[in-house]
Structures are given as structure tokens and as C-alpha cells.
PDB file of N, CA and C in Angstrom:
ATOM      1  N   ALA A   1     -24.674  16.300  -8.233  1.00  0.00           N
ATOM      2  CA  ALA A   1     -24.135  15.605  -7.080  1.00  0.00           C
ATOM      3  C   ALA A   1     -22.770  15.002  -7.397  1.00  0.00           C
ATOM      4  N   GLU A   2     -22.579  14.507  -8.616  1.00  0.00           N
ATOM      5  CA  GLU A   2     -21.284  13.937  -8.986  1.00  0.00           C
ATOM      6  C   GLU A   2     -20.204  15.008  -8.979  1.00  0.00           C
ATOM      7  N   LYS A   3     -20.566  16.218  -9.433  1.00  0.00           N
ATOM      8  CA  LYS A   3     -19.600  17.316  -9.455  1.00  0.00           C
ATOM      9  C   LYS A   3     -19.188  17.681  -8.031  1.00  0.00           C
ATOM     10  N   ALA A   4     -20.145  17.740  -7.114  1.00  0.00           N
ATOM     11  CA  ALA A   4     -19.832  18.051  -5.715  1.00  0.00           C
ATOM     12  C   ALA A   4     -18.937  16.975  -5.112  1.00  0.00           C
ATOM     13  N   ALA A   5     -19.200  15.717  -5.446  1.00  0.00           N
ATOM     14  CA  ALA A   5     -18.369  14.628  -4.931  1.00  0.00           C
ATOM     15  C   ALA A   5     -16.948  14.732  -5.477  1.00  0.00           C
ATOM     16  N   ALA A   6     -16.805  15.094  -6.744  1.00  0.00           N
ATOM     17  CA  ALA A   6     -15.478  15.247  -7.337  1.00  0.00           C
ATOM     18  C   ALA A   6     -14.724  16.404  -6.689  1.00  0.00           C
ATOM     19  N   ILE A   7     -15.403  17.519  -6.470  1.00  0.00           N
ATOM     20  CA  ILE A   7     -14.776  18.661  -5.798  1.00  0.00           C
ATOM     21  C   ILE A   7     -14.385  18.266  -4.374  1.00  0.00           C
ATOM     22  N   GLY A   8     -15.288  17.550  -3.686  1.00  0.00           N
ATOM     23  CA  GLY A   8     -14.992  17.092  -2.330  1.00  0.00           C
ATOM     24  C   GLY A   8     -13.801  16.156  -2.286  1.00  0.00           C
ATOM     25  N   ALA A   9     -13.700  15.246  -3.252  1.00  0.00           N
ATOM     26  CA  ALA A   9     -12.567  14.315  -3.295  1.00  0.00           C
ATOM     27  C   ALA A   9     -11.261  15.070  -3.502  1.00  0.00           C
ATOM     28  N   GLY A  10     -11.289  16.086  -4.342  1.00  0.00           N
ATOM     29  CA  GLY A  10     -10.102  16.916  -4.534  1.00  0.00           C
ATOM     30  C   GLY A  10      -9.727  17.664  -3.271  1.00  0.00           C
ATOM     31  N   THR A  11     -10.727  18.128  -2.551  1.00  0.00           N
ATOM     32  CA  THR A  11     -10.486  18.850  -1.303  1.00  0.00           C
ATOM     33  C   THR A  11      -9.900  17.920  -0.247  1.00  0.00           C
ATOM     34  N   VAL A  12     -10.420  16.694  -0.158  1.00  0.00           N
ATOM     35  CA  VAL A  12      -9.866  15.706   0.771  1.00  0.00           C
ATOM     36  C   VAL A  12      -8.415  15.408   0.396  1.00  0.00           C
ATOM     37  N   ALA A  13      -8.129  15.289  -0.895  1.00  0.00           N
ATOM     38  CA  ALA A  13      -6.761  15.026  -1.344  1.00  0.00           C
ATOM     39  C   ALA A  13      -5.814  16.166  -0.979  1.00  0.00           C
ATOM     40  N   LEU A  14      -6.350  17.373  -0.796  1.00  0.00           N
ATOM     41  CA  LEU A  14      -5.537  18.513  -0.355  1.00  0.00           C
ATOM     42  C   LEU A  14      -5.333  18.522   1.160  1.00  0.00           C
ATOM     43  N   GLY A  15      -5.985  17.595   1.860  1.00  0.00           N
ATOM     44  CA  GLY A  15      -5.813  17.501   3.303  1.00  0.00           C
ATOM     45  C   GLY A  15      -6.885  18.193   4.112  1.00  0.00           C
ATOM     46  N   ILE A  16      -8.006  18.504   3.495  1.00  0.00           N
ATOM     47  CA  ILE A  16      -9.098  19.196   4.177  1.00  0.00           C
ATOM     48  C   ILE A  16     -10.275  18.234   4.315  1.00  0.00           C
ATOM     49  N   THR A  17     -10.713  17.991   5.552  1.00  0.00           N
ATOM     50  CA  THR A  17     -11.857  17.116   5.792  1.00  0.00           C
ATOM     51  C   THR A  17     -13.122  17.771   5.262  1.00  0.00           C
ATOM     52  N   VAL A  18     -13.974  16.976   4.631  1.00  0.00           N
ATOM     53  CA  VAL A  18     -15.181  17.480   3.977  1.00  0.00           C
ATOM     54  C   VAL A  18     -16.411  16.816   4.592  1.00  0.00           C
ATOM     55  N   HIS A  19     -17.418  17.626   4.900  1.00  0.00           N
ATOM     56  CA  HIS A  19     -18.697  17.099   5.383  1.00  0.00           C
ATOM     57  C   HIS A  19     -19.683  17.072   4.229  1.00  0.00           C
ATOM     58  N   LEU A  20     -20.373  15.945   4.077  1.00  0.00           N
ATOM     59  CA  LEU A  20     -21.460  15.816   3.113  1.00  0.00           C
ATOM     60  C   LEU A  20     -22.715  15.435   3.873  1.00  0.00           C
ATOM     61  N   GLY A  21     -23.815  16.086   3.554  1.00  0.00           N
ATOM     62  CA  GLY A  21     -25.078  15.794   4.217  1.00  0.00           C
ATOM     63  C   GLY A  21     -25.722  14.509   3.730  1.00  0.00           C
ATOM     64  N   ARG A  22     -25.361  14.085   2.549  1.00  0.00           N
ATOM     65  CA  ARG A  22     -25.898  12.839   1.989  1.00  0.00           C
ATOM     66  C   ARG A  22     -24.770  12.074   1.321  1.00  0.00           C
ATOM     67  N   ALA A  23     -24.914  10.772   1.307  1.00  0.00           N
ATOM     68  CA  ALA A  23     -23.894   9.947   0.665  1.00  0.00           C
ATOM     69  C   ALA A  23     -23.876  10.244  -0.827  1.00  0.00           C
ATOM     70  N   PRO A  24     -22.709  10.512  -1.389  1.00  0.00           N
ATOM     71  CA  PRO A  24     -22.636  10.795  -2.820  1.00  0.00           C
ATOM     72  C   PRO A  24     -22.878   9.535  -3.644  1.00  0.00           C
ATOM     73  N   PRO A  25     -23.290   9.698  -4.896  1.00  0.00           N
ATOM     74  CA  PRO A  25     -23.597   8.539  -5.736  1.00  0.00           C
ATOM     75  C   PRO A  25     -22.369   7.726  -6.136  1.00  0.00           C
ATOM     76  N   ILE A  26     -21.179   8.173  -5.779  1.00  0.00           N
ATOM     77  CA  ILE A  26     -19.972   7.433  -6.154  1.00  0.00           C
ATOM     78  C   ILE A  26     -19.655   6.303  -5.189  1.00  0.00           C
ATOM     79  N   LEU A  27     -20.380   6.242  -4.065  1.00  0.00           N
ATOM     80  CA  LEU A  27     -20.087   5.214  -3.070  1.00  0.00           C
ATOM     81  C   LEU A  27     -20.818   3.928  -3.424  1.00  0.00           C
ATOM     82  N   GLY A  28     -20.167   3.080  -4.181  1.00  0.00           N
ATOM     83  CA  GLY A  28     -20.787   1.835  -4.583  1.00  0.00           C
ATOM     84  C   GLY A  28     -20.206   0.654  -3.845  1.00  0.00           C
ATOM     85  N   GLY A  29     -18.952   0.361  -4.097  1.00  0.00           N
ATOM     86  CA  GLY A  29     -18.315  -0.793  -3.483  1.00  0.00           C
ATOM     87  C   GLY A  29     -17.702  -0.464  -2.139  1.00  0.00           C
ATOM     88  N   PRO A  30     -17.499  -1.478  -1.311  1.00  0.00           N
ATOM     89  CA  PRO A  30     -16.935  -1.246   0.018  1.00  0.00           C
ATOM     90  C   PRO A  30     -15.518  -0.671  -0.020  1.00  0.00           C
ATOM     91  N   GLU A  31     -14.749  -0.987  -1.068  1.00  0.00           N
ATOM     92  CA  GLU A  31     -13.394  -0.450  -1.171  1.00  0.00           C
ATOM     93  C   GLU A  31     -13.413   1.063  -1.360  1.00  0.00           C
ATOM     94  N   VAL A  32     -14.360   1.544  -2.159  1.00  0.00           N
ATOM     95  CA  VAL A  32     -14.482   2.987  -2.388  1.00  0.00           C
ATOM     96  C   VAL A  32     -14.897   3.686  -1.100  1.00  0.00           C
ATOM     97  N   VAL A  33     -15.857   3.115  -0.392  1.00  0.00           N
ATOM     98  CA  VAL A  33     -16.312   3.693   0.878  1.00  0.00           C
ATOM     99  C   VAL A  33     -15.151   3.764   1.865  1.00  0.00           C
ATOM    100  N   THR A  34     -14.406   2.671   1.990  1.00  0.00           N
ATOM    101  CA  THR A  34     -13.274   2.640   2.916  1.00  0.00           C
ATOM    102  C   THR A  34     -12.219   3.658   2.521  1.00  0.00           C
ATOM    103  N   LEU A  35     -11.931   3.770   1.236  1.00  0.00           N
ATOM    104  CA  LEU A  35     -10.935   4.734   0.776  1.00  0.00           C
ATOM    105  C   LEU A  35     -11.349   6.162   1.109  1.00  0.00           C
ATOM    106  N   LEU A  36     -12.585   6.513   0.819  1.00  0.00           N
ATOM    107  CA  LEU A  36     -13.019   7.898   1.000  1.00  0.00           C
ATOM    108  C   LEU A  36     -13.301   8.269   2.451  1.00  0.00           C
ATOM    109  N   THR A  37     -13.620   7.308   3.295  1.00  0.00           N
ATOM    110  CA  THR A  37     -13.985   7.655   4.668  1.00  0.00           C
ATOM    111  C   THR A  37     -12.945   7.255   5.705  1.00  0.00           C
ATOM    112  N   GLN A  38     -11.998   6.393   5.361  1.00  0.00           N
ATOM    113  CA  GLN A  38     -11.022   5.960   6.358  1.00  0.00           C
ATOM    114  C   GLN A  38      -9.588   6.022   5.844  1.00  0.00           C
ATOM    115  N   LYS A  39      -9.291   5.339   4.746  1.00  0.00           N
ATOM    116  CA  LYS A  39      -7.915   5.301   4.256  1.00  0.00           C
ATOM    117  C   LYS A  39      -7.426   6.665   3.791  1.00  0.00           C
ATOM    118  N   SER A  40      -8.347   7.517   3.366  1.00  0.00           N
ATOM    119  CA  SER A  40      -7.933   8.848   2.916  1.00  0.00           C
ATOM    120  C   SER A  40      -7.301   9.635   4.054  1.00  0.00           C
ATOM    121  N   GLU A  41      -7.708   9.367   5.296  1.00  0.00           N
ATOM    122  CA  GLU A  41      -7.094  10.069   6.427  1.00  0.00           C
ATOM    123  C   GLU A  41      -5.633   9.652   6.585  1.00  0.00           C
ATOM    124  N   GLU A  42      -5.340   8.370   6.372  1.00  0.00           N
ATOM    125  CA  GLU A  42      -3.956   7.901   6.435  1.00  0.00           C
ATOM    126  C   GLU A  42      -3.128   8.504   5.302  1.00  0.00           C
ATOM    127  N   LEU A  43      -3.719   8.584   4.110  1.00  0.00           N
ATOM    128  CA  LEU A  43      -2.991   9.069   2.940  1.00  0.00           C
ATOM    129  C   LEU A  43      -2.846  10.586   2.905  1.00  0.00           C
ATOM    130  N   PHE A  44      -3.932  11.303   3.221  1.00  0.00           N
ATOM    131  CA  PHE A  44      -3.958  12.753   3.032  1.00  0.00           C
ATOM    132  C   PHE A  44      -4.155  13.545   4.321  1.00  0.00           C
ATOM    133  N   GLY A  45      -4.500  12.864   5.414  1.00  0.00           N
ATOM    134  CA  GLY A  45      -4.794  13.572   6.657  1.00  0.00           C
ATOM    135  C   GLY A  45      -6.193  14.159   6.683  1.00  0.00           C
ATOM    136  N   ALA A  46      -7.056  13.721   5.785  1.00  0.00           N
ATOM    137  CA  ALA A  46      -8.428  14.230   5.709  1.00  0.00           C
ATOM    138  C   ALA A  46      -9.342  13.108   5.244  1.00  0.00           C
ATOM    139  N   LYS A  47     -10.649  13.334   5.400  1.00  0.00           N
ATOM    140  CA  LYS A  47     -11.624  12.311   5.027  1.00  0.00           C
ATOM    141  C   LYS A  47     -12.974  12.954   4.784  1.00  0.00           C
ATOM    142  N   PHE A  48     -13.912  12.172   4.258  1.00  0.00           N
ATOM    143  CA  PHE A  48     -15.304  12.591   4.167  1.00  0.00           C
ATOM    144  C   PHE A  48     -15.991  12.242   5.480  1.00  0.00           C
ATOM    145  N   ILE A  49     -16.785  13.152   5.991  1.00  0.00           N
ATOM    146  CA  ILE A  49     -17.693  12.873   7.098  1.00  0.00           C
ATOM    147  C   ILE A  49     -19.085  12.969   6.501  1.00  0.00           C
ATOM    148  N   ILE A  50     -19.812  11.870   6.514  1.00  0.00           N
ATOM    149  CA  ILE A  50     -21.136  11.828   5.893  1.00  0.00           C
ATOM    150  C   ILE A  50     -22.172  11.683   6.997  1.00  0.00           C
ATOM    151  N   GLU A  51     -22.957  12.732   7.186  1.00  0.00           N
ATOM    152  CA  GLU A  51     -23.963  12.749   8.249  1.00  0.00           C
ATOM    153  C   GLU A  51     -25.068  13.711   7.860  1.00  0.00           C
ATOM    154  N   GLU A  52     -26.311  13.232   7.868  1.00  0.00           N
ATOM    155  CA  GLU A  52     -27.450  14.077   7.501  1.00  0.00           C
ATOM    156  C   GLU A  52     -27.878  15.005   8.623  1.00  0.00           C
ATOM    157  N   ASP A  53     -27.760  14.563   9.859  1.00  0.00           N
ATOM    158  CA  ASP A  53     -28.200  15.372  10.988  1.00  0.00           C
ATOM    159  C   ASP A  53     -27.180  16.490  11.245  1.00  0.00           C
ATOM    160  N   PRO A  54     -27.593  17.761  11.156  1.00  0.00           N
ATOM    161  CA  PRO A  54     -26.634  18.859  11.299  1.00  0.00           C
ATOM    162  C   PRO A  54     -26.008  18.950  12.689  1.00  0.00           C
ATOM    163  N   ILE A  55     -26.724  18.548  13.715  1.00  0.00           N
ATOM    164  CA  ILE A  55     -26.159  18.602  15.066  1.00  0.00           C
ATOM    165  C   ILE A  55     -25.069  17.550  15.219  1.00  0.00           C
ATOM    166  N   LYS A  56     -25.349  16.332  14.775  1.00  0.00           N
ATOM    167  CA  LYS A  56     -24.334  15.280  14.834  1.00  0.00           C
ATOM    168  C   LYS A  56     -23.137  15.637  13.954  1.00  0.00           C
ATOM    169  N   ALA A  57     -23.414  16.184  12.775  1.00  0.00           N
ATOM    170  CA  ALA A  57     -22.333  16.562  11.861  1.00  0.00           C
ATOM    171  C   ALA A  57     -21.429  17.607  12.497  1.00  0.00           C
ATOM    172  N   SER A  58     -22.021  18.608  13.133  1.00  0.00           N
ATOM    173  CA  SER A  58     -21.201  19.654  13.748  1.00  0.00           C
ATOM    174  C   SER A  58     -20.362  19.081  14.881  1.00  0.00           C
ATOM    175  N   LYS A  59     -20.911  18.142  15.639  1.00  0.00           N
ATOM    176  CA  LYS A  59     -20.135  17.526  16.711  1.00  0.00           C
ATOM    177  C   LYS A  59     -18.977  16.701  16.153  1.00  0.00           C
ATOM    178  N   LEU A  60     -19.239  15.946  15.089  1.00  0.00           N
ATOM    179  CA  LEU A  60     -18.165  15.169  14.464  1.00  0.00           C
ATOM    180  C   LEU A  60     -17.063  16.083  13.934  1.00  0.00           C
ATOM    181  N   LEU A  61     -17.456  17.193  13.327  1.00  0.00           N
ATOM    182  CA  LEU A  61     -16.467  18.140  12.812  1.00  0.00           C
ATOM    183  C   LEU A  61     -15.678  18.788  13.944  1.00  0.00           C
ATOM    184  N   LEU A  62     -16.345  19.146  15.038  1.00  0.00           N
ATOM    185  CA  LEU A  62     -15.638  19.738  16.176  1.00  0.00           C
ATOM    186  C   LEU A  62     -14.675  18.740  16.814  1.00  0.00           C
ATOM    187  N   LEU A  63     -15.071  17.474  16.902  1.00  0.00           N
ATOM    188  CA  LEU A  63     -14.156  16.450  17.410  1.00  0.00           C
ATOM    189  C   LEU A  63     -12.940  16.323  16.499  1.00  0.00           C
ATOM    190  N   HIS A  64     -13.170  16.336  15.201  1.00  0.00           N
ATOM    191  CA  HIS A  64     -12.072  16.240  14.238  1.00  0.00           C
ATOM    192  C   HIS A  64     -11.129  17.442  14.361  1.00  0.00           C
ATOM    193  N   ILE A  65     -11.696  18.636  14.458  1.00  0.00           N
ATOM    194  CA  ILE A  65     -10.882  19.849  14.586  1.00  0.00           C
ATOM    195  C   ILE A  65     -10.083  19.815  15.888  1.00  0.00           C
ATOM    196  N   GLY A  66     -10.719  19.378  16.978  1.00  0.00           N
ATOM    197  CA  GLY A  66     -10.019  19.285  18.257  1.00  0.00           C
ATOM    198  C   GLY A  66      -8.827  18.349  18.190  1.00  0.00           C
ATOM    199  N   LYS A  67      -8.997  17.209  17.534  1.00  0.00           N
ATOM    200  CA  LYS A  67      -7.887  16.263  17.397  1.00  0.00           C
ATOM    201  C   LYS A  67      -6.770  16.837  16.522  1.00  0.00           C
ATOM    202  N   ALA A  68      -7.141  17.561  15.482  1.00  0.00           N
ATOM    203  CA  ALA A  68      -6.129  18.189  14.628  1.00  0.00           C
ATOM    204  C   ALA A  68      -5.364  19.255  15.409  1.00  0.00           C
ATOM    205  N   ARG A  69      -6.059  20.014  16.249  1.00  0.00           N
ATOM    206  CA  ARG A  69      -5.398  21.032  17.070  1.00  0.00           C
ATOM    207  C   ARG A  69      -4.429  20.385  18.060  1.00  0.00           C
ATOM    208  N   GLU A  70      -4.821  19.249  18.638  1.00  0.00           N
ATOM    209  CA  GLU A  70      -3.930  18.537  19.556  1.00  0.00           C
ATOM    210  C   GLU A  70      -2.648  18.118  18.850  1.00  0.00           C
ATOM    211  N   LYS A  71      -2.773  17.621  17.619  1.00  0.00           N
ATOM    212  CA  LYS A  71      -1.597  17.205  16.853  1.00  0.00           C
ATOM    213  C   LYS A  71      -0.651  18.372  16.602  1.00  0.00           C
ATOM    214  N   LEU A  72      -1.211  19.580  16.508  1.00  0.00           N
ATOM    215  CA  LEU A  72      -0.397  20.777  16.282  1.00  0.00           C
ATOM    216  C   LEU A  72       0.136  21.373  17.584  1.00  0.00           C
ATOM    217  N   GLY A  73      -0.226  20.764  18.709  1.00  0.00           N
ATOM    218  CA  GLY A  73       0.222  21.270  19.994  1.00  0.00           C
ATOM    219  C   GLY A  73      -0.599  22.442  20.499  1.00  0.00           C
ATOM    220  N   LEU A  74      -1.773  22.638  19.931  1.00  0.00           N
ATOM    221  CA  LEU A  74      -2.657  23.719  20.351  1.00  0.00           C
ATOM    222  C   LEU A  74      -3.688  23.180  21.327  1.00  0.00           C
ATOM    223  N   CYS A  75      -4.330  24.070  22.029  1.00  0.00           N
ATOM    224  CA  CYS A  75      -5.418  23.675  22.922  1.00  0.00           C
ATOM    225  C   CYS A  75      -6.505  23.032  22.071  1.00  0.00           C
ATOM    226  N   SER A  76      -6.938  21.848  22.469  1.00  0.00           N
ATOM    227  CA  SER A  76      -7.933  21.142  21.656  1.00  0.00           C
ATOM    228  C   SER A  76      -9.332  21.693  21.850  1.00  0.00           C
ATOM    229  N   SER A  77      -9.531  22.506  22.872  1.00  0.00           N
ATOM    230  CA  SER A  77     -10.859  23.039  23.159  1.00  0.00           C
ATOM    231  C   SER A  77     -11.110  24.282  22.317  1.00  0.00           C
ATOM    232  N   ILE A  78     -12.039  24.180  21.380  1.00  0.00           N
ATOM    233  CA  ILE A  78     -12.402  25.345  20.573  1.00  0.00           C
ATOM    234  C   ILE A  78     -13.787  25.825  20.936  1.00  0.00           C
ATOM    235  N   GLY A  79     -14.295  25.317  22.002  1.00  0.00           N
ATOM    236  CA  GLY A  79     -15.636  25.651  22.455  1.00  0.00           C
ATOM    237  C   GLY A  79     -16.187  24.466  23.202  1.00  0.00           C
ATOM    238  N   MET A  80     -17.208  24.686  23.939  1.00  0.00           N
ATOM    239  CA  MET A  80     -17.805  23.611  24.725  1.00  0.00           C
ATOM    240  C   MET A  80     -18.507  22.640  23.786  1.00  0.00           C
ATOM    241  N   VAL A  81     -18.046  21.430  23.719  1.00  0.00           N
ATOM    242  CA  VAL A  81     -18.667  20.404  22.890  1.00  0.00           C
ATOM    243  C   VAL A  81     -19.320  19.396  23.815  1.00  0.00           C
ATOM    244  N   SER A  82     -20.618  19.393  23.818  1.00  0.00           N
ATOM    245  CA  SER A  82     -21.361  18.437  24.628  1.00  0.00           C
ATOM    246  C   SER A  82     -21.673  17.229  23.765  1.00  0.00           C
ATOM    247  N   HIS A  83     -21.632  16.071  24.352  1.00  0.00           N
ATOM    248  CA  HIS A  83     -21.968  14.869  23.601  1.00  0.00           C
ATOM    249  C   HIS A  83     -23.457  14.569  23.660  1.00  0.00           C
ATOM    250  N   LYS A  84     -24.204  15.432  24.335  1.00  0.00           N
ATOM    251  CA  LYS A  84     -25.662  15.309  24.349  1.00  0.00           C
ATOM    252  C   LYS A  84     -26.239  16.654  23.957  1.00  0.00           C
ATOM    253  N   SER A  85     -27.274  16.622  23.191  1.00  0.00           N
ATOM    254  CA  SER A  85     -27.876  17.848  22.697  1.00  0.00           C
ATOM    255  C   SER A  85     -29.359  17.604  22.509  1.00  0.00           C
ATOM    256  N   GLN A  86     -30.107  18.702  22.390  1.00  0.00           N
ATOM    257  CA  GLN A  86     -31.526  18.565  22.104  1.00  0.00           C
ATOM    258  C   GLN A  86     -31.851  19.316  20.832  1.00  0.00           C
ATOM    259  N   ARG A  87     -32.683  18.711  20.035  1.00  0.00           N
ATOM    260  CA  ARG A  87     -33.161  19.351  18.819  1.00  0.00           C
ATOM    261  C   ARG A  87     -34.314  20.268  19.194  1.00  0.00           C
ATOM    262  N   PRO A  88     -34.739  21.112  18.270  1.00  0.00           N
ATOM    263  CA  PRO A  88     -35.879  21.988  18.553  1.00  0.00           C
ATOM    264  C   PRO A  88     -37.144  21.234  18.949  1.00  0.00           C
ATOM    265  N   ASP A  89     -37.308  19.999  18.482  1.00  0.00           N
ATOM    266  CA  ASP A  89     -38.491  19.217  18.845  1.00  0.00           C
ATOM    267  C   ASP A  89     -38.305  18.455  20.164  1.00  0.00           C
ATOM    268  N   ASN A  90     -37.263  18.838  20.933  1.00  0.00           N
ATOM    269  CA  ASN A  90     -36.933  18.273  22.246  1.00  0.00           C
ATOM    270  C   ASN A  90     -36.466  16.821  22.208  1.00  0.00           C
ATOM    271  N   GLU A  91     -36.181  16.309  21.029  1.00  0.00           N
ATOM    272  CA  GLU A  91     -35.620  14.963  20.931  1.00  0.00           C
ATOM    273  C   GLU A  91     -34.142  15.048  21.293  1.00  0.00           C
ATOM    274  N   GLU A  92     -33.710  14.202  22.228  1.00  0.00           N
ATOM    275  CA  GLU A  92     -32.317  14.240  22.647  1.00  0.00           C
ATOM    276  C   GLU A  92     -31.454  13.449  21.676  1.00  0.00           C
ATOM    277  N   ILE A  93     -30.309  14.012  21.363  1.00  0.00           N
ATOM    278  CA  ILE A  93     -29.351  13.376  20.463  1.00  0.00           C
ATOM    279  C   ILE A  93     -28.059  13.215  21.240  1.00  0.00           C
ATOM    280  N   SER A  94     -27.459  12.061  21.155  1.00  0.00           N
ATOM    281  CA  SER A  94     -26.149  11.906  21.769  1.00  0.00           C
ATOM    282  C   SER A  94     -25.229  11.242  20.764  1.00  0.00           C
ATOM    283  N   ILE A  95     -23.960  11.555  20.896  1.00  0.00           N
ATOM    284  CA  ILE A  95     -22.957  10.987  20.003  1.00  0.00           C
ATOM    285  C   ILE A  95     -21.693  10.772  20.816  1.00  0.00           C
ATOM    286  N   SER A  96     -21.043   9.676  20.597  1.00  0.00           N
ATOM    287  CA  SER A  96     -19.804   9.408  21.317  1.00  0.00           C
ATOM    288  C   SER A  96     -18.651   9.457  20.334  1.00  0.00           C
ATOM    289  N   GLU A  97     -17.448   9.563  20.886  1.00  0.00           N
ATOM    290  CA  GLU A  97     -16.274   9.576  20.021  1.00  0.00           C
ATOM    291  C   GLU A  97     -16.103   8.243  19.311  1.00  0.00           C
ATOM    292  N   ASP A  98     -16.699   7.182  19.851  1.00  0.00           N
ATOM    293  CA  ASP A  98     -16.576   5.859  19.248  1.00  0.00           C
ATOM    294  C   ASP A  98     -17.606   5.605  18.158  1.00  0.00           C
ATOM    295  N   GLU A  99     -18.601   6.484  18.049  1.00  0.00           N
ATOM    296  CA  GLU A  99     -19.671   6.249  17.083  1.00  0.00           C
ATOM    297  C   GLU A  99     -19.114   6.379  15.669  1.00  0.00           C
ATOM    298  N   HIS A 100     -19.327   5.370  14.857  1.00  0.00           N
ATOM    299  CA  HIS A 100     -18.832   5.429  13.485  1.00  0.00           C
ATOM    300  C   HIS A 100     -19.833   4.874  12.481  1.00  0.00           C
ATOM    301  N   ILE A 101     -21.049   4.649  12.897  1.00  0.00           N
ATOM    302  CA  ILE A 101     -22.094   4.199  11.988  1.00  0.00           C
ATOM    303  C   ILE A 101     -23.226   5.208  12.022  1.00  0.00           C
ATOM    304  N   ASN A 102     -23.651   5.644  10.867  1.00  0.00           N
ATOM    305  CA  ASN A 102     -24.791   6.544  10.767  1.00  0.00           C
ATOM    306  C   ASN A 102     -26.041   5.677  10.808  1.00  0.00           C
ATOM    307  N   PRO A 103     -26.918   5.854  11.817  1.00  0.00           N
ATOM    308  CA  PRO A 103     -28.072   4.962  11.921  1.00  0.00           C
ATOM    309  C   PRO A 103     -29.046   5.075  10.756  1.00  0.00           C
ATOM    310  N   GLN A 104     -29.092   6.215  10.054  1.00  0.00           N
ATOM    311  CA  GLN A 104     -29.992   6.348   8.915  1.00  0.00           C
ATOM    312  C   GLN A 104     -29.402   5.733   7.651  1.00  0.00           C
ATOM    313  N   ASN A 105     -28.117   5.477   7.667  1.00  0.00           N
ATOM    314  CA  ASN A 105     -27.430   5.033   6.472  1.00  0.00           C
ATOM    315  C   ASN A 105     -26.332   4.070   6.908  1.00  0.00           C
ATOM    316  N   PRO A 106     -26.257   2.883   6.375  1.00  0.00           N
ATOM    317  CA  PRO A 106     -25.263   1.928   6.834  1.00  0.00           C
ATOM    318  C   PRO A 106     -23.843   2.237   6.369  1.00  0.00           C
ATOM    319  N   LEU A 107     -23.597   3.448   5.924  1.00  0.00           N
ATOM    320  CA  LEU A 107     -22.275   3.837   5.460  1.00  0.00           C
ATOM    321  C   LEU A 107     -21.335   4.009   6.643  1.00  0.00           C
ATOM    322  N   LEU A 108     -20.157   3.423   6.566  1.00  0.00           N
ATOM    323  CA  LEU A 108     -19.187   3.567   7.646  1.00  0.00           C
ATOM    324  C   LEU A 108     -18.648   4.983   7.682  1.00  0.00           C
ATOM    325  N   LEU A 109     -18.589   5.525   8.872  1.00  0.00           N
ATOM    326  CA  LEU A 109     -17.989   6.835   9.073  1.00  0.00           C
ATOM    327  C   LEU A 109     -16.632   6.643   9.721  1.00  0.00           C
ATOM    328  N   PRO A 110     -15.751   7.610   9.623  1.00  0.00           N
ATOM    329  CA  PRO A 110     -14.424   7.468  10.214  1.00  0.00           C
ATOM    330  C   PRO A 110     -14.491   7.313  11.731  1.00  0.00           C
ATOM    331  N   THR A 111     -13.600   6.532  12.263  1.00  0.00           N
ATOM    332  CA  THR A 111     -13.498   6.360  13.704  1.00  0.00           C
ATOM    333  C   THR A 111     -12.535   7.395  14.243  1.00  0.00           C
ATOM    334  N   TYR A 112     -12.917   8.041  15.308  1.00  0.00           N
ATOM    335  CA  TYR A 112     -12.061   9.074  15.905  1.00  0.00           C
ATOM    336  C   TYR A 112     -11.284   8.532  17.059  1.00  0.00           C
TER     337      TYR A 112
END
């Protein structure tokens, strides 16, 4: 897990946003969390998105990609992104652009 976190940190430093399904073991102090999930976007244009739920993760990534496309002057729509979805067990999931807290994990996620 430490190796994956190191590779991910290098990838973020190259300007590529990285999704992790679980919080890496390097997230100890609040300064480290803030650096890797928020300040890294200011410094490198990329950040870690930490989300265990694959549906929520894909929506967060699509929102991020759409915003990056807008900055490039491209159409931000890369497909229909609904903010409400259903899992196979019929549990409804919703996510807003303002959501920045993972309910399963108190780790701060980037604000979009």
C-alpha cells in the first residue's frame, strides 16, 4: 500500500488526478491530508480522490474531468452524468458537486 501511495503521489505531482479506493497509510496528520487532497491541486493541478464506493468515485472523476475540459475550452459534457444513481441492490446514491466528505471515512475530499 505504501508503494501504491508513493506512485500515486508521483502521478499527482505530474498533474494527473488519482483515485484511491481506500485511504493510504501515509495520511496521518491534517497537514498531509490537506496537501494531498486539496493543496496539491493548486500546486500541480491534480489531487487524490479517495472514495470506496465505485459509483461515487466515478461521478467525482467525471466531474473533475468535465471541469478540466471546461478550462481547456472543450465541451464539458463527456457523457450523461446523473447526480442520482442506483446500486444493484436498489439503494439510491446521490452526490452533489458540493460534497467533500466521505461518510464512511472522515477524510476530507477535494471541493469541486
